[in-house]
Amino acid sequence: MNKVHHALIVAAALGVAGPGLAANSDFNGSTELARGDYAAAEKIIIQQRKMFANDADLIVNLAMVYRKTNRVEEARSLYQRLLKLPSEDLDIAGRQTTSHRVAREALAKMDVLAAR
């Protein structure tokens, strides 16, 4: 997948997605995620993962779908899988980060929510 797609994906994972973000995301479900159509996003992502099983943006997006649809353990499993893959550099609206940082931050946020 193209790194340009990561801006909206990662922003959504970090909870900073907003109307000013834009990405050309025909094949990774981020457009559907942004509009809250989780069923459509999941369908696209699962189809793409058949060809690109270890693609970081697909993993992050599917984990977000799972989080938004209350499938916390499935999301946690995907973030943990992401940490086992080589880290990828990501650009979020000009902010540099990595796929591992996104996964660690999402897992930490999930842990805080679970502790409540």
N, C-alpha and C. Protein backbone atom coordinates (compact mmCIF):
# COMPACT_ATOMS: atom_id res chain seq x y z
N MET A 1 0.83 -1.17 0.00
CA MET A 1 0.00 0.00 0.00
C MET A 1 0.88 1.24 0.00
N ASN A 2 0.37 2.30 -0.52
CA ASN A 2 1.05 3.58 -0.62
C ASN A 2 1.07 4.28 0.74
N LYS A 3 2.22 4.86 1.11
CA LYS A 3 2.35 5.54 2.39
C LYS A 3 1.40 6.74 2.52
N VAL A 4 0.94 7.30 1.41
CA VAL A 4 0.00 8.43 1.47
C VAL A 4 -1.27 8.02 2.20
N HIS A 5 -1.62 6.77 2.12
CA HIS A 5 -2.85 6.27 2.74
C HIS A 5 -2.78 6.29 4.26
N HIS A 6 -1.57 6.32 4.80
CA HIS A 6 -1.42 6.17 6.23
C HIS A 6 -1.94 7.35 7.03
N ALA A 7 -2.00 8.54 6.47
CA ALA A 7 -2.37 9.72 7.25
C ALA A 7 -3.72 9.55 7.94
N LEU A 8 -4.75 9.23 7.21
CA LEU A 8 -6.08 9.09 7.80
C LEU A 8 -6.16 7.85 8.68
N ILE A 9 -5.55 6.77 8.24
CA ILE A 9 -5.60 5.52 8.98
C ILE A 9 -5.02 5.67 10.37
N VAL A 10 -3.81 6.16 10.40
CA VAL A 10 -3.13 6.28 11.67
C VAL A 10 -3.78 7.35 12.53
N ALA A 11 -4.20 8.42 11.94
CA ALA A 11 -4.89 9.46 12.69
C ALA A 11 -6.14 8.89 13.36
N ALA A 12 -6.86 8.08 12.63
CA ALA A 12 -8.05 7.45 13.21
C ALA A 12 -7.67 6.53 14.36
N ALA A 13 -6.58 5.78 14.19
CA ALA A 13 -6.14 4.87 15.24
C ALA A 13 -5.73 5.61 16.50
N LEU A 14 -5.16 6.79 16.33
CA LEU A 14 -4.74 7.59 17.47
C LEU A 14 -5.86 8.46 18.01
N GLY A 15 -6.99 8.45 17.32
CA GLY A 15 -8.13 9.24 17.77
C GLY A 15 -8.00 10.71 17.43
N VAL A 16 -7.21 11.05 16.40
CA VAL A 16 -7.03 12.45 16.04
C VAL A 16 -7.57 12.76 14.65
N ALA A 17 -8.33 11.84 14.09
CA ALA A 17 -8.87 12.08 12.75
C ALA A 17 -9.85 13.23 12.79
N GLY A 18 -9.81 14.03 11.77
CA GLY A 18 -10.71 15.17 11.72
C GLY A 18 -11.08 15.47 10.29
N PRO A 19 -11.99 16.40 10.08
CA PRO A 19 -12.46 16.70 8.73
C PRO A 19 -11.40 17.28 7.83
N GLY A 20 -10.29 17.82 8.38
CA GLY A 20 -9.25 18.40 7.55
C GLY A 20 -8.32 17.36 6.93
N LEU A 21 -8.37 16.12 7.39
CA LEU A 21 -7.49 15.10 6.86
C LEU A 21 -8.09 14.50 5.60
N ALA A 22 -7.23 14.20 4.67
CA ALA A 22 -7.69 13.58 3.44
C ALA A 22 -6.67 12.56 2.99
N ALA A 23 -7.12 11.51 2.37
CA ALA A 23 -6.22 10.49 1.84
C ALA A 23 -6.90 9.81 0.66
N ASN A 24 -6.10 9.43 -0.29
CA ASN A 24 -6.60 8.65 -1.41
C ASN A 24 -6.61 7.21 -0.96
N SER A 25 -7.76 6.68 -0.61
CA SER A 25 -7.82 5.38 0.05
C SER A 25 -8.88 4.48 -0.56
N ASP A 26 -8.68 4.14 -1.78
CA ASP A 26 -9.66 3.31 -2.46
C ASP A 26 -9.63 1.84 -2.02
N PHE A 27 -8.51 1.39 -1.46
CA PHE A 27 -8.37 -0.03 -1.23
C PHE A 27 -8.04 -0.43 0.20
N ASN A 28 -8.09 0.49 1.14
CA ASN A 28 -7.73 0.12 2.50
C ASN A 28 -8.83 0.38 3.52
N GLY A 29 -9.98 0.81 3.08
CA GLY A 29 -11.12 0.99 3.96
C GLY A 29 -11.13 2.27 4.76
N SER A 30 -10.14 3.15 4.60
CA SER A 30 -10.10 4.35 5.43
C SER A 30 -11.23 5.33 5.10
N THR A 31 -11.64 5.38 3.85
CA THR A 31 -12.77 6.25 3.49
C THR A 31 -14.02 5.79 4.22
N GLU A 32 -14.25 4.49 4.22
CA GLU A 32 -15.42 3.92 4.90
C GLU A 32 -15.32 4.11 6.41
N LEU A 33 -14.11 3.95 6.95
CA LEU A 33 -13.90 4.19 8.38
C LEU A 33 -14.23 5.63 8.75
N ALA A 34 -13.77 6.55 7.93
CA ALA A 34 -13.98 7.98 8.21
C ALA A 34 -15.46 8.34 8.24
N ARG A 35 -16.25 7.66 7.44
CA ARG A 35 -17.68 7.98 7.44
C ARG A 35 -18.49 7.05 8.36
N GLY A 36 -17.79 6.17 9.08
CA GLY A 36 -18.45 5.32 10.06
C GLY A 36 -19.13 4.10 9.49
N ASP A 37 -18.82 3.74 8.26
CA ASP A 37 -19.40 2.55 7.64
C ASP A 37 -18.46 1.36 7.89
N TYR A 38 -18.53 0.84 9.11
CA TYR A 38 -17.59 -0.19 9.54
C TYR A 38 -17.78 -1.51 8.80
N ALA A 39 -19.00 -1.85 8.45
CA ALA A 39 -19.24 -3.09 7.71
C ALA A 39 -18.58 -3.03 6.33
N ALA A 40 -18.72 -1.91 5.64
CA ALA A 40 -18.09 -1.76 4.32
C ALA A 40 -16.58 -1.74 4.45
N ALA A 41 -16.06 -1.05 5.46
CA ALA A 41 -14.61 -1.00 5.67
C ALA A 41 -14.08 -2.40 5.92
N GLU A 42 -14.73 -3.15 6.77
CA GLU A 42 -14.28 -4.51 7.10
C GLU A 42 -14.26 -5.38 5.85
N LYS A 43 -15.28 -5.29 5.04
CA LYS A 43 -15.35 -6.10 3.81
C LYS A 43 -14.16 -5.79 2.89
N ILE A 44 -13.88 -4.52 2.69
CA ILE A 44 -12.76 -4.11 1.82
C ILE A 44 -11.43 -4.58 2.40
N ILE A 45 -11.25 -4.34 3.69
CA ILE A 45 -9.98 -4.68 4.32
C ILE A 45 -9.73 -6.18 4.29
N ILE A 46 -10.73 -6.97 4.62
CA ILE A 46 -10.55 -8.42 4.61
C ILE A 46 -10.21 -8.92 3.21
N GLN A 47 -10.84 -8.35 2.21
CA GLN A 47 -10.53 -8.73 0.82
C GLN A 47 -9.08 -8.39 0.48
N GLN A 48 -8.64 -7.19 0.85
CA GLN A 48 -7.27 -6.76 0.56
C GLN A 48 -6.24 -7.57 1.35
N ARG A 49 -6.58 -7.97 2.55
CA ARG A 49 -5.64 -8.76 3.37
C ARG A 49 -5.41 -10.14 2.81
N LYS A 50 -6.27 -10.60 1.92
CA LYS A 50 -6.01 -11.88 1.25
C LYS A 50 -4.76 -11.78 0.40
N MET A 51 -4.48 -10.60 -0.12
CA MET A 51 -3.30 -10.38 -0.95
C MET A 51 -2.15 -9.76 -0.15
N PHE A 52 -2.47 -8.96 0.86
CA PHE A 52 -1.47 -8.21 1.61
C PHE A 52 -1.67 -8.42 3.11
N ALA A 53 -1.47 -9.64 3.55
CA ALA A 53 -1.78 -10.02 4.94
C ALA A 53 -1.00 -9.22 5.97
N ASN A 54 0.20 -8.80 5.66
CA ASN A 54 1.03 -8.11 6.63
C ASN A 54 1.13 -6.60 6.39
N ASP A 55 0.23 -6.07 5.61
CA ASP A 55 0.25 -4.64 5.32
C ASP A 55 -0.19 -3.87 6.56
N ALA A 56 0.67 -2.98 7.03
CA ALA A 56 0.42 -2.27 8.29
C ALA A 56 -0.86 -1.46 8.27
N ASP A 57 -1.13 -0.73 7.17
CA ASP A 57 -2.33 0.10 7.19
C ASP A 57 -3.59 -0.74 7.18
N LEU A 58 -3.57 -1.89 6.54
CA LEU A 58 -4.74 -2.78 6.58
C LEU A 58 -4.95 -3.33 7.99
N ILE A 59 -3.85 -3.68 8.64
CA ILE A 59 -3.96 -4.21 10.01
C ILE A 59 -4.50 -3.14 10.95
N VAL A 60 -3.96 -1.93 10.84
CA VAL A 60 -4.43 -0.83 11.70
C VAL A 60 -5.91 -0.55 11.44
N ASN A 61 -6.29 -0.53 10.17
CA ASN A 61 -7.69 -0.23 9.85
C ASN A 61 -8.64 -1.32 10.35
N LEU A 62 -8.24 -2.57 10.18
CA LEU A 62 -9.11 -3.65 10.65
C LEU A 62 -9.21 -3.62 12.17
N ALA A 63 -8.10 -3.34 12.83
CA ALA A 63 -8.14 -3.21 14.29
C ALA A 63 -9.09 -2.09 14.70
N MET A 64 -9.08 -1.00 13.96
CA MET A 64 -10.00 0.11 14.26
C MET A 64 -11.45 -0.33 14.06
N VAL A 65 -11.72 -1.06 13.00
CA VAL A 65 -13.08 -1.58 12.79
C VAL A 65 -13.49 -2.41 13.98
N TYR A 66 -12.60 -3.29 14.42
CA TYR A 66 -12.92 -4.15 15.55
C TYR A 66 -13.15 -3.33 16.82
N ARG A 67 -12.33 -2.31 17.05
CA ARG A 67 -12.52 -1.46 18.23
C ARG A 67 -13.87 -0.75 18.16
N LYS A 68 -14.20 -0.21 17.01
CA LYS A 68 -15.45 0.56 16.87
C LYS A 68 -16.68 -0.34 16.94
N THR A 69 -16.52 -1.64 16.72
CA THR A 69 -17.65 -2.57 16.76
C THR A 69 -17.57 -3.49 17.98
N ASN A 70 -16.86 -3.00 19.02
CA ASN A 70 -16.77 -3.68 20.32
C ASN A 70 -16.20 -5.09 20.26
N ARG A 71 -15.27 -5.31 19.35
CA ARG A 71 -14.55 -6.59 19.28
C ARG A 71 -13.11 -6.33 19.75
N VAL A 72 -13.01 -6.02 21.03
CA VAL A 72 -11.76 -5.55 21.62
C VAL A 72 -10.65 -6.60 21.54
N GLU A 73 -10.96 -7.83 21.82
CA GLU A 73 -9.91 -8.86 21.80
C GLU A 73 -9.36 -9.08 20.39
N GLU A 74 -10.23 -9.00 19.39
CA GLU A 74 -9.76 -9.12 18.01
C GLU A 74 -8.85 -7.94 17.65
N ALA A 75 -9.23 -6.75 18.09
CA ALA A 75 -8.41 -5.56 17.85
C ALA A 75 -7.06 -5.72 18.55
N ARG A 76 -7.09 -6.12 19.79
CA ARG A 76 -5.85 -6.31 20.56
C ARG A 76 -4.93 -7.30 19.84
N SER A 77 -5.48 -8.38 19.36
CA SER A 77 -4.69 -9.38 18.64
C SER A 77 -4.02 -8.80 17.40
N LEU A 78 -4.74 -7.97 16.67
CA LEU A 78 -4.16 -7.34 15.47
C LEU A 78 -3.04 -6.36 15.83
N TYR A 79 -3.23 -5.56 16.87
CA TYR A 79 -2.18 -4.64 17.28
C TYR A 79 -0.94 -5.41 17.74
N GLN A 80 -1.15 -6.51 18.45
CA GLN A 80 -0.01 -7.33 18.87
C GLN A 80 0.69 -7.94 17.67
N ARG A 81 -0.07 -8.35 16.67
CA ARG A 81 0.52 -8.87 15.43
C ARG A 81 1.36 -7.79 14.76
N LEU A 82 0.84 -6.58 14.72
CA LEU A 82 1.55 -5.46 14.10
C LEU A 82 2.91 -5.26 14.76
N LEU A 83 2.98 -5.44 16.07
CA LEU A 83 4.24 -5.27 16.79
C LEU A 83 5.26 -6.36 16.45
N LYS A 84 4.80 -7.48 15.93
CA LYS A 84 5.70 -8.57 15.54
C LYS A 84 6.27 -8.37 14.14
N LEU A 85 5.66 -7.49 13.37
CA LEU A 85 6.12 -7.19 12.02
C LEU A 85 7.15 -6.07 12.07
N PRO A 86 7.97 -5.93 11.02
CA PRO A 86 8.88 -4.79 10.99
C PRO A 86 8.09 -3.48 11.06
N SER A 87 8.61 -2.55 11.83
CA SER A 87 7.96 -1.26 11.97
C SER A 87 8.06 -0.47 10.67
N GLU A 88 6.98 0.23 10.33
CA GLU A 88 6.96 1.07 9.15
C GLU A 88 6.87 2.53 9.57
N ASP A 89 7.60 3.39 8.87
CA ASP A 89 7.49 4.82 9.10
C ASP A 89 6.18 5.32 8.53
N LEU A 90 5.51 6.18 9.28
CA LEU A 90 4.23 6.73 8.87
C LEU A 90 4.27 8.25 9.00
N ASP A 91 3.48 8.91 8.18
CA ASP A 91 3.34 10.35 8.24
C ASP A 91 1.88 10.67 8.49
N ILE A 92 1.59 11.34 9.60
CA ILE A 92 0.22 11.70 9.94
C ILE A 92 0.13 13.21 9.86
N ALA A 93 -0.41 13.70 8.78
CA ALA A 93 -0.57 15.14 8.60
C ALA A 93 0.69 15.90 8.98
N GLY A 94 1.83 15.41 8.48
CA GLY A 94 3.10 16.06 8.73
C GLY A 94 3.82 15.59 9.98
N ARG A 95 3.18 14.78 10.78
CA ARG A 95 3.79 14.23 12.01
C ARG A 95 4.33 12.84 11.72
N GLN A 96 5.61 12.64 11.95
CA GLN A 96 6.23 11.35 11.71
C GLN A 96 5.99 10.41 12.89
N THR A 97 5.65 9.18 12.60
CA THR A 97 5.47 8.16 13.62
C THR A 97 5.78 6.81 12.99
N THR A 98 5.53 5.74 13.70
CA THR A 98 5.77 4.40 13.16
C THR A 98 4.56 3.52 13.44
N SER A 99 4.48 2.43 12.71
CA SER A 99 3.39 1.47 12.91
C SER A 99 3.46 0.88 14.32
N HIS A 100 4.68 0.67 14.83
CA HIS A 100 4.81 0.14 16.19
C HIS A 100 4.30 1.14 17.23
N ARG A 101 4.58 2.40 17.02
CA ARG A 101 4.09 3.41 17.97
C ARG A 101 2.56 3.45 17.97
N VAL A 102 1.97 3.37 16.79
CA VAL A 102 0.51 3.36 16.69
C VAL A 102 -0.05 2.17 17.47
N ALA A 103 0.54 1.00 17.27
CA ALA A 103 0.07 -0.20 17.96
C ALA A 103 0.23 -0.08 19.46
N ARG A 104 1.40 0.39 19.92
CA ARG A 104 1.63 0.54 21.36
C ARG A 104 0.65 1.54 21.98
N GLU A 105 0.42 2.67 21.30
CA GLU A 105 -0.50 3.68 21.83
C GLU A 105 -1.93 3.16 21.87
N ALA A 106 -2.33 2.44 20.83
CA ALA A 106 -3.69 1.89 20.81
C ALA A 106 -3.87 0.85 21.92
N LEU A 107 -2.86 -0.01 22.10
CA LEU A 107 -2.95 -1.02 23.16
C LEU A 107 -2.99 -0.35 24.53
N ALA A 108 -2.20 0.68 24.73
CA ALA A 108 -2.21 1.39 26.01
C ALA A 108 -3.57 2.03 26.27
N LYS A 109 -4.13 2.63 25.24
CA LYS A 109 -5.45 3.25 25.38
C LYS A 109 -6.51 2.20 25.70
N MET A 110 -6.42 1.05 25.06
CA MET A 110 -7.36 -0.03 25.32
C MET A 110 -7.21 -0.53 26.75
N ASP A 111 -5.96 -0.60 27.25
CA ASP A 111 -5.73 -1.05 28.63
C ASP A 111 -6.35 -0.09 29.63
N VAL A 112 -6.22 1.20 29.37
CA VAL A 112 -6.81 2.22 30.26
C VAL A 112 -8.33 2.07 30.28
N LEU A 113 -8.92 1.91 29.10
CA LEU A 113 -10.37 1.75 29.04
C LEU A 113 -10.84 0.48 29.73
N ALA A 114 -10.06 -0.60 29.58
CA ALA A 114 -10.44 -1.87 30.21
C ALA A 114 -10.34 -1.79 31.72
N ALA A 115 -9.44 -0.94 32.23
CA ALA A 115 -9.25 -0.82 33.68
C ALA A 115 -10.38 -0.04 34.35
N ARG A 116 -11.18 0.64 33.59
CA ARG A 116 -12.26 1.46 34.18
C ARG A 116 -13.41 0.62 34.62
